[in-house]
Amino acid sequence: MLKILLALDDYQEQTFLHRLLTKMGFNLEVTQTDQAIGGLIMGFQPQVVLVAEKSRKINSTKLIKDIKSKRASTQFILIKHSTSKDNQDIENEVQFIVNSPVHPEELFTALSDVSHLQKQDLLNKYNKLSSSIKSSKKSSEESQYIQGSSVKDKSDSKSRQAPKTSINESDRQKKYDQFLESVDKVNTNETTFERKKIKEFNKELRSQSEFHESPELKIDKFQYTKNLLKKNK
């Protein structure tokens, strides 16, 4: 089967394409950085490379030129965001351009254009695969990934999620003030503490913990005791 290299660092898009192409039976490798490209070119020898136009960790133009210099027969499909401006330098180097998020049918059109595969054969296999997933007990998430709806839907669902709640700032300050009042004033002439006193103090703090105590305060208490013990070594 066709050897395909995915070169992109967008997690959503990468996960979708990886699952889709793996289920379709393609021989697949993935890279998220420029550093890993060299070994993949020589060892894996990809026939087709799907590369994102814009990536934080991959220089797409350099990647395409490097692969072409080592393996001239490799074909390139550029994944381009609809909001991106035309970039002739890179677009002239590739054989096909698809829009992000990638739709399966558009991807199969591109693959048939750059290889010996027939688009209709790919669509038939894809439709059969989609039907088998719907009729089986597979998770709805996997079904979404295979059908190409997950990349967009997941980003939308993230924006709809309610933000995580946190302890009220005034309550935080009040609890902290109460904590300071409960602690004996520190003798500034002392530079260390007895380990026994540290353990007793920690035990006292733990015994005073309330069920609504915030995770942040628990961490502060633990770190405070840990620092005292380190200082007393």
C-alpha atoms as a PDB file:
ATOM      1  CA  MET A   1       0.000   0.000   0.000  1.00  0.00           C
ATOM      2  CA  LEU A   2       1.007   3.611  -0.513  1.00  0.00           C
ATOM      3  CA  LYS A   3       3.613   5.006   1.922  1.00  0.00           C
ATOM      4  CA  ILE A   4       2.418   8.322   3.350  1.00  0.00           C
ATOM      5  CA  LEU A   5       4.281  10.727   5.626  1.00  0.00           C
ATOM      6  CA  LEU A   6       2.265  13.189   7.728  1.00  0.00           C
ATOM      7  CA  ALA A   7       4.276  16.331   8.472  1.00  0.00           C
ATOM      8  CA  LEU A   8       2.209  18.579  10.723  1.00  0.00           C
ATOM      9  CA  ASP A   9       2.039  19.529  14.398  1.00  0.00           C
ATOM     10  CA  ASP A  10      -1.662  20.360  14.726  1.00  0.00           C
ATOM     11  CA  TYR A  11      -2.891  17.680  17.148  1.00  0.00           C
ATOM     12  CA  GLN A  12      -6.524  17.647  16.003  1.00  0.00           C
ATOM     13  CA  GLU A  13      -5.737  17.405  12.311  1.00  0.00           C
ATOM     14  CA  GLN A  14      -2.923  14.927  12.844  1.00  0.00           C
ATOM     15  CA  THR A  15      -5.107  12.616  14.963  1.00  0.00           C
ATOM     16  CA  PHE A  16      -7.911  12.685  12.402  1.00  0.00           C
ATOM     17  CA  LEU A  17      -5.651  11.987   9.422  1.00  0.00           C
ATOM     18  CA  HIS A  18      -3.687   9.310  11.269  1.00  0.00           C
ATOM     19  CA  ARG A  19      -6.835   7.382  12.229  1.00  0.00           C
ATOM     20  CA  LEU A  20      -8.454   7.776   8.832  1.00  0.00           C
ATOM     21  CA  LEU A  21      -5.437   6.735   6.769  1.00  0.00           C
ATOM     22  CA  THR A  22      -4.543   3.877   9.118  1.00  0.00           C
ATOM     23  CA  LYS A  23      -8.098   2.509   8.924  1.00  0.00           C
ATOM     24  CA  MET A  24      -7.904   2.803   5.139  1.00  0.00           C
ATOM     25  CA  GLY A  25      -4.834   0.555   5.188  1.00  0.00           C
ATOM     26  CA  PHE A  26      -2.095   2.997   4.212  1.00  0.00           C
ATOM     27  CA  ASN A  27       1.499   2.588   5.407  1.00  0.00           C
ATOM     28  CA  LEU A  28       1.876   5.663   7.596  1.00  0.00           C
ATOM     29  CA  GLU A  29       4.541   7.620   9.465  1.00  0.00           C
ATOM     30  CA  VAL A  30       4.161  10.919  11.351  1.00  0.00           C
ATOM     31  CA  THR A  31       6.617  13.680  12.142  1.00  0.00           C
ATOM     32  CA  GLN A  32       6.073  16.864  14.151  1.00  0.00           C
ATOM     33  CA  THR A  33       9.558  18.402  13.885  1.00  0.00           C
ATOM     34  CA  ASP A  34      12.216  19.124  11.271  1.00  0.00           C
ATOM     35  CA  GLN A  35      14.802  17.088  13.176  1.00  0.00           C
ATOM     36  CA  ALA A  36      13.081  13.749  12.540  1.00  0.00           C
ATOM     37  CA  ILE A  37      12.674  14.224   8.787  1.00  0.00           C
ATOM     38  CA  GLY A  38      16.118  13.025   7.693  1.00  0.00           C
ATOM     39  CA  GLY A  39      15.814   9.523   9.118  1.00  0.00           C
ATOM     40  CA  LEU A  40      12.277   9.093   7.808  1.00  0.00           C
ATOM     41  CA  ILE A  41      13.262  10.043   4.264  1.00  0.00           C
ATOM     42  CA  MET A  42      16.019   7.441   4.062  1.00  0.00           C
ATOM     43  CA  GLY A  43      14.381   4.709   6.152  1.00  0.00           C
ATOM     44  CA  PHE A  44      10.672   5.037   5.382  1.00  0.00           C
ATOM     45  CA  GLN A  45      11.055   6.468   1.844  1.00  0.00           C
ATOM     46  CA  PRO A  46       7.584   8.064   1.592  1.00  0.00           C
ATOM     47  CA  GLN A  47       5.810   8.112  -1.742  1.00  0.00           C
ATOM     48  CA  VAL A  48       3.435  10.876  -0.660  1.00  0.00           C
ATOM     49  CA  VAL A  49       3.898  13.612   1.948  1.00  0.00           C
ATOM     50  CA  LEU A  50       0.992  15.493   3.497  1.00  0.00           C
ATOM     51  CA  VAL A  51       2.501  18.688   4.831  1.00  0.00           C
ATOM     52  CA  ALA A  52       0.851  21.605   6.607  1.00  0.00           C
ATOM     53  CA  GLU A  53       1.512  24.999   5.100  1.00  0.00           C
ATOM     54  CA  LYS A  54       2.016  26.516   8.558  1.00  0.00           C
ATOM     55  CA  SER A  55       3.485  24.641  11.518  1.00  0.00           C
ATOM     56  CA  ARG A  56       5.236  25.867  14.637  1.00  0.00           C
ATOM     57  CA  LYS A  57       7.925  23.186  14.508  1.00  0.00           C
ATOM     58  CA  ILE A  58       8.185  22.404  10.788  1.00  0.00           C
ATOM     59  CA  ASN A  59       9.555  24.629   8.051  1.00  0.00           C
ATOM     60  CA  SER A  60       7.346  23.384   5.224  1.00  0.00           C
ATOM     61  CA  THR A  61       9.285  24.962   2.363  1.00  0.00           C
ATOM     62  CA  LYS A  62      12.599  23.590   3.626  1.00  0.00           C
ATOM     63  CA  LEU A  63      11.080  20.154   4.260  1.00  0.00           C
ATOM     64  CA  ILE A  64       9.773  19.862   0.700  1.00  0.00           C
ATOM     65  CA  LYS A  65      13.102  20.906  -0.812  1.00  0.00           C
ATOM     66  CA  ASP A  66      15.076  18.542   1.423  1.00  0.00           C
ATOM     67  CA  ILE A  67      12.893  15.562   0.523  1.00  0.00           C
ATOM     68  CA  LYS A  68      12.992  16.392  -3.179  1.00  0.00           C
ATOM     69  CA  SER A  69      16.797  16.536  -3.102  1.00  0.00           C
ATOM     70  CA  LYS A  70      16.930  12.993  -1.645  1.00  0.00           C
ATOM     71  CA  ARG A  71      13.857  11.431  -3.242  1.00  0.00           C
ATOM     72  CA  ALA A  72      12.721  13.208  -6.385  1.00  0.00           C
ATOM     73  CA  SER A  73       9.757  10.895  -7.014  1.00  0.00           C
ATOM     74  CA  THR A  74       7.971  11.871  -3.777  1.00  0.00           C
ATOM     75  CA  GLN A  75       4.644  13.631  -4.302  1.00  0.00           C
ATOM     76  CA  PHE A  76       3.404  16.428  -2.036  1.00  0.00           C
ATOM     77  CA  ILE A  77      -0.063  17.401  -0.838  1.00  0.00           C
ATOM     78  CA  LEU A  78      -0.224  20.764   0.912  1.00  0.00           C
ATOM     79  CA  ILE A  79      -2.715  21.262   3.757  1.00  0.00           C
ATOM     80  CA  LYS A  80      -3.715  24.911   3.628  1.00  0.00           C
ATOM     81  CA  HIS A  81      -5.983  26.890   5.945  1.00  0.00           C
ATOM     82  CA  SER A  82      -8.739  28.757   4.158  1.00  0.00           C
ATOM     83  CA  THR A  83      -7.689  32.011   5.849  1.00  0.00           C
ATOM     84  CA  SER A  84      -4.087  31.746   4.621  1.00  0.00           C
ATOM     85  CA  LYS A  85      -2.832  34.023   1.918  1.00  0.00           C
ATOM     86  CA  ASP A  86      -1.454  32.559  -1.318  1.00  0.00           C
ATOM     87  CA  ASN A  87       2.170  31.524  -1.014  1.00  0.00           C
ATOM     88  CA  GLN A  88       3.524  30.829  -4.481  1.00  0.00           C
ATOM     89  CA  ASP A  89       6.946  29.758  -3.188  1.00  0.00           C
ATOM     90  CA  ILE A  90       5.521  26.675  -1.534  1.00  0.00           C
ATOM     91  CA  GLU A  91       2.432  26.124  -3.708  1.00  0.00           C
ATOM     92  CA  ASN A  92       4.604  25.796  -6.808  1.00  0.00           C
ATOM     93  CA  GLU A  93       6.525  22.969  -5.111  1.00  0.00           C
ATOM     94  CA  VAL A  94       3.513  20.714  -4.429  1.00  0.00           C
ATOM     95  CA  GLN A  95       1.292  18.586  -6.655  1.00  0.00           C
ATOM     96  CA  PHE A  96      -2.033  19.153  -4.876  1.00  0.00           C
ATOM     97  CA  ILE A  97      -3.573  21.482  -2.277  1.00  0.00           C
ATOM     98  CA  VAL A  98      -6.348  20.562   0.186  1.00  0.00           C
ATOM     99  CA  ASN A  99      -8.125  22.813   2.650  1.00  0.00           C
ATOM    100  CA  SER A 100      -7.920  22.473   6.419  1.00  0.00           C
ATOM    101  CA  PRO A 101      -9.763  20.881   8.144  1.00  0.00           C
ATOM    102  CA  VAL A 102      -9.299  18.111   5.578  1.00  0.00           C
ATOM    103  CA  HIS A 103     -12.429  16.380   4.297  1.00  0.00           C
ATOM    104  CA  PRO A 104     -12.028  12.678   3.391  1.00  0.00           C
ATOM    105  CA  GLU A 105     -13.388  13.028  -0.154  1.00  0.00           C
ATOM    106  CA  GLU A 106     -11.059  15.934  -0.905  1.00  0.00           C
ATOM    107  CA  LEU A 107      -8.148  13.920   0.496  1.00  0.00           C
ATOM    108  CA  PHE A 108      -9.004  10.900  -1.681  1.00  0.00           C
ATOM    109  CA  THR A 109      -9.169  13.162  -4.724  1.00  0.00           C
ATOM    110  CA  ALA A 110      -5.663  14.399  -3.907  1.00  0.00           C
ATOM    111  CA  LEU A 111      -4.285  10.895  -3.294  1.00  0.00           C
ATOM    112  CA  SER A 112      -5.692   9.595  -6.567  1.00  0.00           C
ATOM    113  CA  ASP A 113      -4.174  12.584  -8.354  1.00  0.00           C
ATOM    114  CA  VAL A 114      -0.642  11.948  -7.050  1.00  0.00           C
ATOM    115  CA  SER A 115      -0.644   8.137  -7.182  1.00  0.00           C
ATOM    116  CA  HIS A 116      -1.902   5.116  -9.107  1.00  0.00           C
ATOM    117  CA  LEU A 117      -4.950   4.797  -6.836  1.00  0.00           C
ATOM    118  CA  GLN A 118      -8.471   5.365  -8.137  1.00  0.00           C
ATOM    119  CA  LYS A 119     -10.662   7.877  -6.306  1.00  0.00           C
ATOM    120  CA  GLN A 120     -13.794   5.736  -6.640  1.00  0.00           C
ATOM    121  CA  ASP A 121     -12.028   2.720  -5.141  1.00  0.00           C
ATOM    122  CA  LEU A 122     -10.959   4.839  -2.161  1.00  0.00           C
ATOM    123  CA  LEU A 123     -14.475   6.216  -1.721  1.00  0.00           C
ATOM    124  CA  ASN A 124     -16.008   2.742  -1.867  1.00  0.00           C
ATOM    125  CA  LYS A 125     -13.610   1.492   0.789  1.00  0.00           C
ATOM    126  CA  TYR A 126     -14.240   4.569   2.911  1.00  0.00           C
ATOM    127  CA  ASN A 127     -18.031   4.222   2.688  1.00  0.00           C
ATOM    128  CA  LYS A 128     -17.807   0.555   3.606  1.00  0.00           C
ATOM    129  CA  LEU A 129     -15.557   1.430   6.544  1.00  0.00           C
ATOM    130  CA  SER A 130     -17.925   4.169   7.746  1.00  0.00           C
ATOM    131  CA  SER A 131     -20.911   1.822   7.555  1.00  0.00           C
ATOM    132  CA  SER A 132     -19.146  -0.907   9.525  1.00  0.00           C
ATOM    133  CA  ILE A 133     -18.220   1.561  12.273  1.00  0.00           C
ATOM    134  CA  LYS A 134     -21.786   2.874  12.531  1.00  0.00           C
ATOM    135  CA  SER A 135     -23.220  -0.646  12.811  1.00  0.00           C
ATOM    136  CA  SER A 136     -20.628  -1.834  15.320  1.00  0.00           C
ATOM    137  CA  LYS A 137     -20.155  -0.898  18.973  1.00  0.00           C
ATOM    138  CA  LYS A 138     -17.327   1.498  18.218  1.00  0.00           C
ATOM    139  CA  SER A 139     -17.339   4.779  20.098  1.00  0.00           C
ATOM    140  CA  SER A 140     -19.071   7.792  18.601  1.00  0.00           C
ATOM    141  CA  GLU A 141     -15.739   9.628  18.845  1.00  0.00           C
ATOM    142  CA  GLU A 142     -14.033   7.189  16.482  1.00  0.00           C
ATOM    143  CA  SER A 143     -16.984   7.387  14.115  1.00  0.00           C
ATOM    144  CA  GLN A 144     -16.620  11.174  14.053  1.00  0.00           C
ATOM    145  CA  TYR A 145     -12.898  10.911  13.354  1.00  0.00           C
ATOM    146  CA  ILE A 146     -13.374   8.524  10.441  1.00  0.00           C
ATOM    147  CA  GLN A 147     -16.207  10.575   8.964  1.00  0.00           C
ATOM    148  CA  GLY A 148     -14.211  13.784   9.142  1.00  0.00           C
ATOM    149  CA  SER A 149     -16.396  15.713  11.584  1.00  0.00           C
ATOM    150  CA  SER A 150     -14.142  15.580  14.626  1.00  0.00           C
ATOM    151  CA  VAL A 151     -11.572  18.219  13.721  1.00  0.00           C
ATOM    152  CA  LYS A 152     -14.104  21.018  13.404  1.00  0.00           C
ATOM    153  CA  ASP A 153     -16.593  19.763  15.983  1.00  0.00           C
ATOM    154  CA  LYS A 154     -13.975  19.300  18.683  1.00  0.00           C
ATOM    155  CA  SER A 155     -12.681  22.846  18.313  1.00  0.00           C
ATOM    156  CA  ASP A 156     -16.254  24.151  18.528  1.00  0.00           C
ATOM    157  CA  SER A 157     -17.029  22.078  21.616  1.00  0.00           C
ATOM    158  CA  LYS A 158     -13.959  23.408  23.364  1.00  0.00           C
ATOM    159  CA  SER A 159     -15.172  26.965  22.897  1.00  0.00           C
ATOM    160  CA  ARG A 160     -18.571  26.026  24.347  1.00  0.00           C
ATOM    161  CA  GLN A 161     -17.189  24.465  27.512  1.00  0.00           C
ATOM    162  CA  ALA A 162     -17.698  26.453  30.679  1.00  0.00           C
ATOM    163  CA  PRO A 163     -14.482  27.688  32.275  1.00  0.00           C
ATOM    164  CA  LYS A 164     -13.212  25.833  35.316  1.00  0.00           C
ATOM    165  CA  THR A 165     -14.265  27.426  38.559  1.00  0.00           C
ATOM    166  CA  SER A 166     -11.733  28.458  41.157  1.00  0.00           C
ATOM    167  CA  ILE A 167     -11.857  29.543  44.784  1.00  0.00           C
ATOM    168  CA  ASN A 168     -13.151  33.062  45.266  1.00  0.00           C
ATOM    169  CA  GLU A 169     -10.264  35.511  45.638  1.00  0.00           C
ATOM    170  CA  SER A 170     -11.698  37.138  48.765  1.00  0.00           C
ATOM    171  CA  ASP A 171     -12.183  33.712  50.378  1.00  0.00           C
ATOM    172  CA  ARG A 172      -8.624  32.806  49.484  1.00  0.00           C
ATOM    173  CA  GLN A 173      -7.267  35.935  51.170  1.00  0.00           C
ATOM    174  CA  LYS A 174      -9.461  35.381  54.231  1.00  0.00           C
ATOM    175  CA  LYS A 175      -8.272  31.788  54.682  1.00  0.00           C
ATOM    176  CA  TYR A 176      -4.670  32.855  54.207  1.00  0.00           C
ATOM    177  CA  ASP A 177      -5.013  35.617  56.832  1.00  0.00           C
ATOM    178  CA  GLN A 178      -6.529  33.106  59.249  1.00  0.00           C
ATOM    179  CA  PHE A 179      -3.674  30.744  58.591  1.00  0.00           C
ATOM    180  CA  LEU A 180      -1.083  33.449  59.341  1.00  0.00           C
ATOM    181  CA  GLU A 181      -2.854  34.380  62.573  1.00  0.00           C
ATOM    182  CA  SER A 182      -2.752  30.751  63.713  1.00  0.00           C
ATOM    183  CA  VAL A 183       1.010  30.519  63.239  1.00  0.00           C
ATOM    184  CA  ASP A 184       3.313  31.675  65.989  1.00  0.00           C
ATOM    185  CA  LYS A 185       5.538  34.576  65.076  1.00  0.00           C
ATOM    186  CA  VAL A 186       8.888  33.451  63.772  1.00  0.00           C
ATOM    187  CA  ASN A 187      11.976  34.116  65.817  1.00  0.00           C
ATOM    188  CA  THR A 188      14.202  35.986  63.377  1.00  0.00           C
ATOM    189  CA  ASN A 189      17.323  34.931  65.273  1.00  0.00           C
ATOM    190  CA  GLU A 190      16.682  31.284  64.397  1.00  0.00           C
ATOM    191  CA  THR A 191      17.850  30.035  61.008  1.00  0.00           C
ATOM    192  CA  THR A 192      16.770  26.397  61.371  1.00  0.00           C
ATOM    193  CA  PHE A 193      14.003  24.412  63.017  1.00  0.00           C
ATOM    194  CA  GLU A 194      14.073  21.124  64.843  1.00  0.00           C
ATOM    195  CA  ARG A 195      12.734  18.304  62.659  1.00  0.00           C
ATOM    196  CA  LYS A 196      10.455  17.233  65.498  1.00  0.00           C
ATOM    197  CA  LYS A 197       8.839  20.672  65.621  1.00  0.00           C
ATOM    198  CA  ILE A 198       8.452  20.715  61.834  1.00  0.00           C
ATOM    199  CA  LYS A 199       6.631  17.370  61.870  1.00  0.00           C
ATOM    200  CA  GLU A 200       4.436  18.453  64.757  1.00  0.00           C
ATOM    201  CA  PHE A 201       3.601  21.686  62.926  1.00  0.00           C
ATOM    202  CA  ASN A 202       2.746  19.781  59.743  1.00  0.00           C
ATOM    203  CA  LYS A 203       0.549  17.388  61.703  1.00  0.00           C
ATOM    204  CA  GLU A 204      -1.284  20.333  63.225  1.00  0.00           C
ATOM    205  CA  LEU A 205      -1.866  21.871  59.792  1.00  0.00           C
ATOM    206  CA  ARG A 206      -3.239  18.614  58.411  1.00  0.00           C
ATOM    207  CA  SER A 207      -5.573  18.170  61.368  1.00  0.00           C
ATOM    208  CA  GLN A 208      -7.037  21.640  60.755  1.00  0.00           C
ATOM    209  CA  SER A 209      -7.800  20.941  57.063  1.00  0.00           C
ATOM    210  CA  GLU A 210     -11.436  21.383  56.117  1.00  0.00           C
ATOM    211  CA  PHE A 211     -13.379  19.567  53.440  1.00  0.00           C
ATOM    212  CA  HIS A 212     -13.660  22.740  51.311  1.00  0.00           C
ATOM    213  CA  GLU A 213      -9.963  23.571  51.512  1.00  0.00           C
ATOM    214  CA  SER A 214      -8.668  24.511  48.071  1.00  0.00           C
ATOM    215  CA  PRO A 215      -6.062  22.367  46.246  1.00  0.00           C
ATOM    216  CA  GLU A 216      -3.826  25.440  46.027  1.00  0.00           C
ATOM    217  CA  LEU A 217      -3.685  25.818  49.808  1.00  0.00           C
ATOM    218  CA  LYS A 218      -2.941  22.119  50.273  1.00  0.00           C
ATOM    219  CA  ILE A 219      -0.018  22.393  47.861  1.00  0.00           C
ATOM    220  CA  ASP A 220       1.266  25.510  49.655  1.00  0.00           C
ATOM    221  CA  LYS A 221       1.166  23.713  53.008  1.00  0.00           C
ATOM    222  CA  PHE A 222       2.978  20.688  51.629  1.00  0.00           C
ATOM    223  CA  GLN A 223       5.665  22.788  49.904  1.00  0.00           C
ATOM    224  CA  TYR A 224       6.168  24.904  53.047  1.00  0.00           C
ATOM    225  CA  THR A 225       6.837  21.833  55.190  1.00  0.00           C
ATOM    226  CA  LYS A 226       9.058  20.279  52.535  1.00  0.00           C
ATOM    227  CA  ASN A 227      11.206  23.424  52.346  1.00  0.00           C
ATOM    228  CA  LEU A 228      11.601  23.494  56.131  1.00  0.00           C
ATOM    229  CA  LEU A 229      12.805  19.890  56.168  1.00  0.00           C
ATOM    230  CA  LYS A 230      15.284  20.573  53.369  1.00  0.00           C
ATOM    231  CA  LYS A 231      16.650  23.598  55.206  1.00  0.00           C
ATOM    232  CA  ASN A 232      17.150  21.535  58.362  1.00  0.00           C
ATOM    233  CA  LYS A 233      19.227  18.772  56.696  1.00  0.00           C
END
